[in-house]
N, C-alpha and C. Protein backbone atom coordinates (compact mmCIF):
# COMPACT_ATOMS: atom_id res chain seq x y z
N MET A 1 119.40 143.07 106.18
CA MET A 1 118.01 143.02 105.74
C MET A 1 117.73 141.65 105.11
N SER A 2 116.62 141.07 105.48
CA SER A 2 116.27 139.75 104.97
C SER A 2 115.78 139.84 103.52
N SER A 3 116.16 138.84 102.73
CA SER A 3 115.69 138.78 101.35
C SER A 3 114.48 137.86 101.22
N TRP A 4 114.02 137.32 102.35
CA TRP A 4 112.87 136.41 102.33
C TRP A 4 111.58 137.21 102.49
N LEU A 5 110.62 136.93 101.63
CA LEU A 5 109.32 137.59 101.65
C LEU A 5 108.27 136.58 102.07
N LYS A 6 107.48 136.92 103.07
CA LYS A 6 106.36 136.08 103.48
C LYS A 6 105.28 136.21 102.42
N VAL A 7 104.86 135.08 101.84
CA VAL A 7 103.91 135.09 100.73
C VAL A 7 102.48 134.88 101.23
N CYS A 8 102.23 133.73 101.84
CA CYS A 8 100.90 133.38 102.33
C CYS A 8 101.02 132.06 103.07
N SER A 9 99.91 131.60 103.64
CA SER A 9 99.93 130.28 104.26
C SER A 9 99.80 129.23 103.15
N LEU A 10 100.30 128.04 103.41
CA LEU A 10 100.22 126.95 102.45
C LEU A 10 98.77 126.69 102.06
N GLU A 11 97.87 126.79 103.03
CA GLU A 11 96.46 126.49 102.79
C GLU A 11 95.79 127.48 101.84
N GLU A 12 96.41 128.64 101.61
CA GLU A 12 95.82 129.63 100.70
C GLU A 12 96.04 129.28 99.22
N ILE A 13 96.92 128.30 98.96
CA ILE A 13 97.12 127.83 97.59
C ILE A 13 96.60 126.39 97.53
N PRO A 14 95.62 126.12 96.68
CA PRO A 14 95.10 124.75 96.62
C PRO A 14 96.14 123.79 96.06
N PRO A 15 96.07 122.51 96.43
CA PRO A 15 96.96 121.53 95.81
C PRO A 15 96.83 121.61 94.29
N LEU A 16 97.96 121.56 93.59
CA LEU A 16 98.05 121.70 92.14
C LEU A 16 97.61 123.09 91.68
N GLY A 17 97.71 124.06 92.58
CA GLY A 17 97.34 125.44 92.26
C GLY A 17 98.53 126.37 92.31
N ALA A 18 98.26 127.64 92.05
CA ALA A 18 99.31 128.65 92.02
C ALA A 18 98.79 129.98 92.54
N ARG A 19 99.71 130.82 92.94
CA ARG A 19 99.41 132.20 93.34
C ARG A 19 100.48 133.08 92.71
N VAL A 20 100.10 134.27 92.29
CA VAL A 20 101.06 135.21 91.71
C VAL A 20 101.47 136.24 92.75
N VAL A 21 102.79 136.42 92.89
CA VAL A 21 103.36 137.43 93.78
C VAL A 21 104.03 138.48 92.90
N ARG A 22 103.69 139.72 93.09
CA ARG A 22 104.30 140.81 92.31
C ARG A 22 105.46 141.37 93.10
N HIS A 23 106.64 141.45 92.45
CA HIS A 23 107.83 142.03 93.06
C HIS A 23 108.39 143.05 92.07
N GLY A 24 108.17 144.33 92.35
CA GLY A 24 108.55 145.36 91.40
C GLY A 24 107.71 145.20 90.15
N ASP A 25 108.35 145.01 89.01
CA ASP A 25 107.60 144.80 87.77
C ASP A 25 107.64 143.34 87.32
N ILE A 26 107.98 142.45 88.25
CA ILE A 26 108.07 141.02 87.94
C ILE A 26 106.96 140.26 88.65
N ASP A 27 106.27 139.39 87.90
CA ASP A 27 105.29 138.48 88.50
C ASP A 27 105.96 137.13 88.71
N ILE A 28 105.80 136.61 89.92
CA ILE A 28 106.38 135.32 90.30
C ILE A 28 105.23 134.37 90.61
N ALA A 29 105.24 133.20 89.97
CA ALA A 29 104.21 132.19 90.21
C ALA A 29 104.70 131.24 91.31
N VAL A 30 103.91 131.09 92.35
CA VAL A 30 104.22 130.19 93.45
C VAL A 30 103.25 129.01 93.34
N PHE A 31 103.81 127.81 93.22
CA PHE A 31 103.02 126.60 92.98
C PHE A 31 103.05 125.67 94.19
N ARG A 32 101.95 124.94 94.37
CA ARG A 32 101.86 123.90 95.41
C ARG A 32 101.52 122.57 94.74
N THR A 33 102.29 121.53 95.09
CA THR A 33 102.02 120.20 94.55
C THR A 33 101.06 119.45 95.47
N THR A 34 100.66 118.26 95.06
CA THR A 34 99.78 117.44 95.91
C THR A 34 100.49 116.97 97.17
N ASP A 35 101.83 116.96 97.13
CA ASP A 35 102.63 116.56 98.30
C ASP A 35 103.00 117.76 99.16
N ASP A 36 102.36 118.92 98.92
CA ASP A 36 102.60 120.17 99.66
C ASP A 36 104.01 120.71 99.49
N GLU A 37 104.66 120.35 98.37
CA GLU A 37 105.92 120.99 98.04
C GLU A 37 105.59 122.32 97.37
N VAL A 38 106.47 123.30 97.59
CA VAL A 38 106.23 124.63 97.05
C VAL A 38 107.40 125.03 96.16
N PHE A 39 107.07 125.55 94.97
CA PHE A 39 108.08 125.99 94.00
C PHE A 39 107.69 127.37 93.50
N ALA A 40 108.68 128.14 93.04
CA ALA A 40 108.39 129.46 92.49
C ALA A 40 109.26 129.72 91.27
N VAL A 41 108.64 130.22 90.21
CA VAL A 41 109.34 130.61 88.99
C VAL A 41 108.72 131.90 88.47
N LYS A 42 109.47 132.60 87.65
CA LYS A 42 108.92 133.79 87.01
C LYS A 42 107.68 133.37 86.23
N ASP A 43 106.62 134.16 86.33
CA ASP A 43 105.33 133.80 85.74
C ASP A 43 105.31 134.13 84.25
N ARG A 44 106.29 133.58 83.53
CA ARG A 44 106.43 133.87 82.10
C ARG A 44 107.14 132.69 81.44
N CYS A 45 106.42 131.99 80.58
CA CYS A 45 107.01 130.86 79.86
C CYS A 45 108.15 131.36 78.98
N PRO A 46 109.28 130.63 78.92
CA PRO A 46 110.40 131.06 78.09
C PRO A 46 110.10 130.98 76.58
N HIS A 47 109.03 130.32 76.21
CA HIS A 47 108.68 130.17 74.80
C HIS A 47 108.07 131.45 74.23
N LYS A 48 106.90 131.81 74.69
CA LYS A 48 106.19 132.99 74.15
C LYS A 48 105.64 133.88 75.26
N GLY A 49 106.11 133.66 76.50
CA GLY A 49 105.71 134.53 77.61
C GLY A 49 104.37 134.23 78.24
N GLY A 50 103.85 133.03 78.01
CA GLY A 50 102.55 132.67 78.60
C GLY A 50 102.59 132.69 80.11
N PRO A 51 101.45 132.96 80.76
CA PRO A 51 101.37 133.02 82.22
C PRO A 51 101.37 131.61 82.83
N LEU A 52 102.51 131.19 83.34
CA LEU A 52 102.63 129.83 83.89
C LEU A 52 101.67 129.59 85.05
N SER A 53 101.34 130.65 85.80
CA SER A 53 100.43 130.51 86.94
C SER A 53 99.04 130.03 86.50
N GLN A 54 98.71 130.19 85.22
CA GLN A 54 97.42 129.75 84.70
C GLN A 54 97.51 128.38 84.03
N GLY A 55 98.69 127.76 84.12
CA GLY A 55 98.89 126.46 83.51
C GLY A 55 98.39 125.33 84.38
N ILE A 56 98.51 124.11 83.85
CA ILE A 56 98.09 122.90 84.56
C ILE A 56 99.30 122.34 85.30
N VAL A 57 99.16 122.18 86.62
CA VAL A 57 100.23 121.58 87.43
C VAL A 57 99.98 120.08 87.48
N HIS A 58 101.05 119.30 87.23
CA HIS A 58 100.97 117.84 87.29
C HIS A 58 102.29 117.35 87.83
N GLY A 59 102.22 116.57 88.91
CA GLY A 59 103.46 116.14 89.56
C GLY A 59 104.25 117.35 90.01
N LYS A 60 105.49 117.45 89.51
CA LYS A 60 106.35 118.59 89.83
C LYS A 60 106.63 119.40 88.57
N SER A 61 105.63 119.47 87.70
CA SER A 61 105.74 120.21 86.44
C SER A 61 104.51 121.09 86.25
N VAL A 62 104.65 122.05 85.33
CA VAL A 62 103.51 122.87 84.93
C VAL A 62 103.51 122.93 83.40
N THR A 63 102.31 122.88 82.82
CA THR A 63 102.16 123.00 81.37
C THR A 63 101.67 124.41 81.07
N CYS A 64 102.40 125.11 80.22
CA CYS A 64 102.03 126.46 79.83
C CYS A 64 100.67 126.45 79.14
N PRO A 65 99.78 127.38 79.49
CA PRO A 65 98.45 127.39 78.89
C PRO A 65 98.43 127.83 77.42
N LEU A 66 99.49 128.45 76.92
CA LEU A 66 99.46 128.95 75.54
C LEU A 66 99.80 127.88 74.50
N HIS A 67 100.94 127.22 74.67
CA HIS A 67 101.40 126.29 73.63
C HIS A 67 101.79 124.91 74.16
N GLY A 68 101.47 124.63 75.43
CA GLY A 68 101.67 123.29 75.94
C GLY A 68 103.08 122.90 76.34
N TRP A 69 103.98 123.88 76.48
CA TRP A 69 105.32 123.53 76.95
C TRP A 69 105.23 123.06 78.39
N ASN A 70 106.04 122.04 78.74
CA ASN A 70 106.13 121.54 80.10
C ASN A 70 107.42 122.04 80.74
N LEU A 71 107.29 122.61 81.94
CA LEU A 71 108.46 123.09 82.68
C LEU A 71 108.54 122.38 84.02
N GLU A 72 109.75 121.95 84.37
CA GLU A 72 109.99 121.34 85.68
C GLU A 72 109.99 122.45 86.72
N LEU A 73 109.16 122.32 87.75
CA LEU A 73 109.06 123.37 88.76
C LEU A 73 110.34 123.52 89.58
N ALA A 74 111.07 122.43 89.79
CA ALA A 74 112.29 122.49 90.60
C ALA A 74 113.40 123.30 89.94
N THR A 75 113.40 123.33 88.61
CA THR A 75 114.47 124.03 87.89
C THR A 75 113.98 125.22 87.08
N GLY A 76 112.70 125.21 86.73
CA GLY A 76 112.15 126.23 85.84
C GLY A 76 112.42 125.94 84.38
N CYS A 77 113.08 124.83 84.08
CA CYS A 77 113.49 124.52 82.70
C CYS A 77 112.46 123.65 81.98
N ALA A 78 112.34 123.90 80.67
CA ALA A 78 111.45 123.13 79.81
C ALA A 78 111.98 121.71 79.65
N THR A 79 111.05 120.78 79.46
CA THR A 79 111.45 119.40 79.22
C THR A 79 111.63 119.19 77.72
N ALA A 80 112.52 118.29 77.35
CA ALA A 80 112.83 118.00 75.94
C ALA A 80 111.57 117.57 75.22
N PRO A 81 111.40 117.93 74.00
CA PRO A 81 112.39 118.52 73.10
C PRO A 81 112.48 120.04 73.20
N ASP A 82 111.61 120.66 74.03
CA ASP A 82 111.63 122.12 74.16
C ASP A 82 112.84 122.56 74.96
N GLU A 83 113.28 123.78 74.73
CA GLU A 83 114.47 124.31 75.41
C GLU A 83 114.20 125.71 75.92
N GLY A 84 114.70 125.99 77.11
CA GLY A 84 114.55 127.31 77.72
C GLY A 84 114.19 127.16 79.18
N CYS A 85 114.41 128.22 79.94
CA CYS A 85 114.13 128.19 81.37
C CYS A 85 113.46 129.48 81.82
N ALA A 86 112.55 129.35 82.76
CA ALA A 86 111.99 130.49 83.47
C ALA A 86 112.84 130.66 84.73
N GLN A 87 113.06 131.91 85.14
CA GLN A 87 113.86 132.13 86.35
C GLN A 87 113.20 131.45 87.54
N LYS A 88 114.01 130.74 88.33
CA LYS A 88 113.54 130.01 89.49
C LYS A 88 113.84 130.82 90.75
N TYR A 89 112.98 130.73 91.74
CA TYR A 89 113.17 131.39 93.02
C TYR A 89 113.13 130.35 94.14
N GLU A 90 113.97 130.52 95.12
CA GLU A 90 114.02 129.61 96.26
C GLU A 90 112.82 129.87 97.17
N THR A 91 112.23 128.79 97.67
CA THR A 91 111.11 128.90 98.60
C THR A 91 111.43 128.11 99.86
N LYS A 92 110.73 128.46 100.93
CA LYS A 92 110.79 127.64 102.14
C LYS A 92 109.43 127.69 102.81
N LEU A 93 109.12 126.63 103.52
CA LEU A 93 107.86 126.49 104.23
C LEU A 93 108.19 126.38 105.71
N GLU A 94 107.74 127.36 106.50
CA GLU A 94 107.99 127.37 107.94
C GLU A 94 106.67 127.52 108.68
N SER A 95 106.34 126.54 109.49
CA SER A 95 105.10 126.58 110.28
C SER A 95 103.87 126.86 109.43
N GLY A 96 103.84 126.24 108.23
CA GLY A 96 102.69 126.39 107.36
C GLY A 96 102.65 127.68 106.57
N VAL A 97 103.73 128.48 106.64
CA VAL A 97 103.80 129.75 105.89
C VAL A 97 104.85 129.66 104.82
N ILE A 98 104.48 130.10 103.60
CA ILE A 98 105.39 130.06 102.45
C ILE A 98 106.22 131.35 102.41
N HIS A 99 107.53 131.20 102.22
CA HIS A 99 108.44 132.33 102.09
C HIS A 99 109.16 132.20 100.76
N LEU A 100 109.46 133.34 100.15
CA LEU A 100 110.09 133.41 98.86
C LEU A 100 111.38 134.22 98.98
N ASN A 101 112.48 133.65 98.46
CA ASN A 101 113.78 134.34 98.51
C ASN A 101 113.90 135.22 97.27
N LEU A 102 113.98 136.53 97.48
CA LEU A 102 114.06 137.47 96.37
C LEU A 102 115.47 137.93 96.09
N ALA A 103 116.45 137.31 96.74
CA ALA A 103 117.86 137.70 96.52
C ALA A 103 118.34 137.30 95.14
């Protein structure tokens, strides 16, 4: 059984935007950069649980809307001086369709 979930087409997420995918009781934020790179992390900031999907995407980072923590989308980890990581999920883009690895 495949662990890859078809999420949506790349065009359904605006550049510097996000979409939330619900898997069981977990919300996963899927982000698109201006270079059409796609990243996915648990939609919960490691600081106070803010919804990262509602944050500001800049470059390959997102700023949490609650307290301004910056997280690297490639790793899910906060940038110094803040510490902590949101769970990261592997993504792939095939023929303009975003897939998320839930393994």
